[in-house]
Protein backbone atom coordinates (compact mmCIF):
# COMPACT_ATOMS: atom_id res chain seq x y z
CA UNK A 1 119.49 54.06 165.76
CA UNK A 2 122.90 55.46 166.73
CA UNK A 3 124.15 58.97 167.42
CA UNK A 4 125.95 58.96 164.06
CA UNK A 5 122.84 58.34 161.95
CA UNK A 6 120.50 60.81 163.64
CA UNK A 7 120.00 64.50 162.99
CA UNK A 8 121.52 67.52 164.64
CA UNK A 9 118.23 68.56 166.28
CA UNK A 10 114.93 67.24 167.60
CA UNK A 11 113.21 65.11 166.60
CA UNK A 12 116.30 63.00 165.94
CA UNK A 13 114.77 61.20 162.95
CA UNK A 14 113.40 64.38 161.27
CA UNK A 15 115.41 67.46 162.31
CA UNK A 16 114.55 70.97 161.16
CA UNK A 17 118.12 71.41 159.86
CA UNK A 18 121.05 69.10 159.11
CA UNK A 19 124.57 68.97 160.53
CA UNK A 20 127.07 71.66 159.45
CA UNK A 21 128.86 72.63 157.35
CA UNK A 22 126.39 75.02 155.76
CA UNK A 23 127.03 76.49 152.31
CA UNK A 24 125.91 79.85 150.91
CA UNK A 25 126.01 81.30 147.36
CA UNK A 26 125.15 84.67 145.82
CA UNK A 27 124.87 86.38 149.21
CA UNK A 28 123.83 90.04 149.16
CA UNK A 29 124.62 92.21 152.19
CA UNK A 30 124.70 95.82 153.27
CA UNK A 31 126.11 97.08 156.54
CA UNK A 32 125.34 100.49 158.04
CA UNK A 33 127.47 101.89 160.87
CA UNK A 34 126.01 104.81 162.80
CA UNK A 35 126.53 106.87 165.93
CA UNK A 36 123.79 106.43 168.47
CA UNK A 37 122.73 107.08 172.05
CA UNK A 38 125.18 105.69 174.63
CA UNK A 39 122.47 104.88 177.18
CA UNK A 40 120.47 102.91 174.60
CA UNK A 41 123.53 100.78 173.78
CA UNK A 42 124.46 100.25 177.43
CA UNK A 43 120.95 98.89 178.05
CA UNK A 44 121.70 96.12 175.50
CA UNK A 45 125.23 95.22 176.65
CA UNK A 46 126.08 92.69 179.37
CA UNK A 47 127.80 94.28 182.37
CA UNK A 48 131.26 92.90 181.46
CA UNK A 49 131.30 94.82 178.17
CA UNK A 50 132.14 98.51 177.76
CA UNK A 51 131.59 100.99 174.96
CA UNK A 52 134.46 102.67 173.14
CA UNK A 53 134.71 106.49 173.20
CA UNK A 54 132.31 107.01 170.28
CA UNK A 55 129.17 104.89 170.81
CA UNK A 56 128.22 103.29 167.50
CA UNK A 57 126.04 100.45 166.29
CA UNK A 58 125.95 98.42 163.10
CA UNK A 59 122.82 97.32 161.27
CA UNK A 60 123.28 94.54 158.70
CA UNK A 61 120.76 93.36 156.12
CA UNK A 62 121.69 90.04 154.51
CA UNK A 63 119.93 88.01 151.82
CA UNK A 64 120.87 84.35 151.26
CA UNK A 65 119.10 83.31 148.04
CA UNK A 66 120.94 79.94 147.86
CA UNK A 67 121.97 78.04 150.99
CA UNK A 68 121.85 74.55 152.43
CA UNK A 69 119.34 75.96 154.92
CA UNK A 70 117.13 77.18 152.09
CA UNK A 71 116.72 80.80 150.97
CA UNK A 72 116.35 83.32 153.78
CA UNK A 73 117.01 86.88 154.90
CA UNK A 74 118.28 88.23 158.18
CA UNK A 75 118.78 91.53 159.92
CA UNK A 76 121.48 91.88 162.58
CA UNK A 77 122.05 94.59 165.18
CA UNK A 78 125.67 94.67 166.35
CA UNK A 79 127.51 96.81 168.88
CA UNK A 80 131.26 97.42 168.73
CA UNK A 81 132.46 97.13 172.33
CA UNK A 82 135.38 96.30 174.62
CA UNK A 83 136.03 93.32 176.89
CA UNK A 84 138.92 94.01 179.27
CA UNK A 85 140.21 96.61 176.79
CA UNK A 86 140.04 94.28 173.76
CA UNK A 87 137.76 95.07 170.82
CA UNK A 88 134.72 92.84 170.45
CA UNK A 89 131.43 92.87 168.53
CA UNK A 90 128.30 92.01 170.53
CA UNK A 91 125.11 90.99 168.73
CA UNK A 92 122.00 91.50 170.88
CA UNK A 93 119.44 90.88 168.11
CA UNK A 94 119.19 88.81 164.93
CA UNK A 95 115.86 88.62 163.08
CA UNK A 96 115.24 85.93 160.44
CA UNK A 97 112.16 85.14 158.41
CA UNK A 98 112.75 81.37 158.16
CA UNK A 99 112.58 78.74 160.90
CA UNK A 100 115.43 76.36 159.89
CA UNK A 101 118.29 78.89 159.90
CA UNK A 102 116.89 80.52 163.04
CA UNK A 103 116.85 77.19 164.89
CA UNK A 104 120.29 76.20 163.57
CA UNK A 105 121.76 79.54 164.61
CA UNK A 106 120.35 79.31 168.12
CA UNK A 107 121.20 75.65 168.72
CA UNK A 108 124.64 75.50 167.09
CA UNK A 109 126.02 79.02 167.45
CA UNK A 110 124.14 80.22 170.52
């Protein structure tokens, strides 16, 4: 057994997901931007991040009917923010209903 012929995750001979790249087809998504309570957003942001003048959040619903990780759906909460004056997008929560893409997302993309 070598590092080249083992999987991306544990156990090395039967990983939950394979090595990237991942492919997706026929993706359906909707994104909702909304104004919300500043204090609620600040409670979710790390200290180094700041909110822009108008506190907003984004809620995304995404359906992946065909992917190399199998079919799955996810919901993402995102917060437009600033890091040293530069625009960023912080994601405090992602909810998935399938184990393989959840594990791949955590292990590979953090």
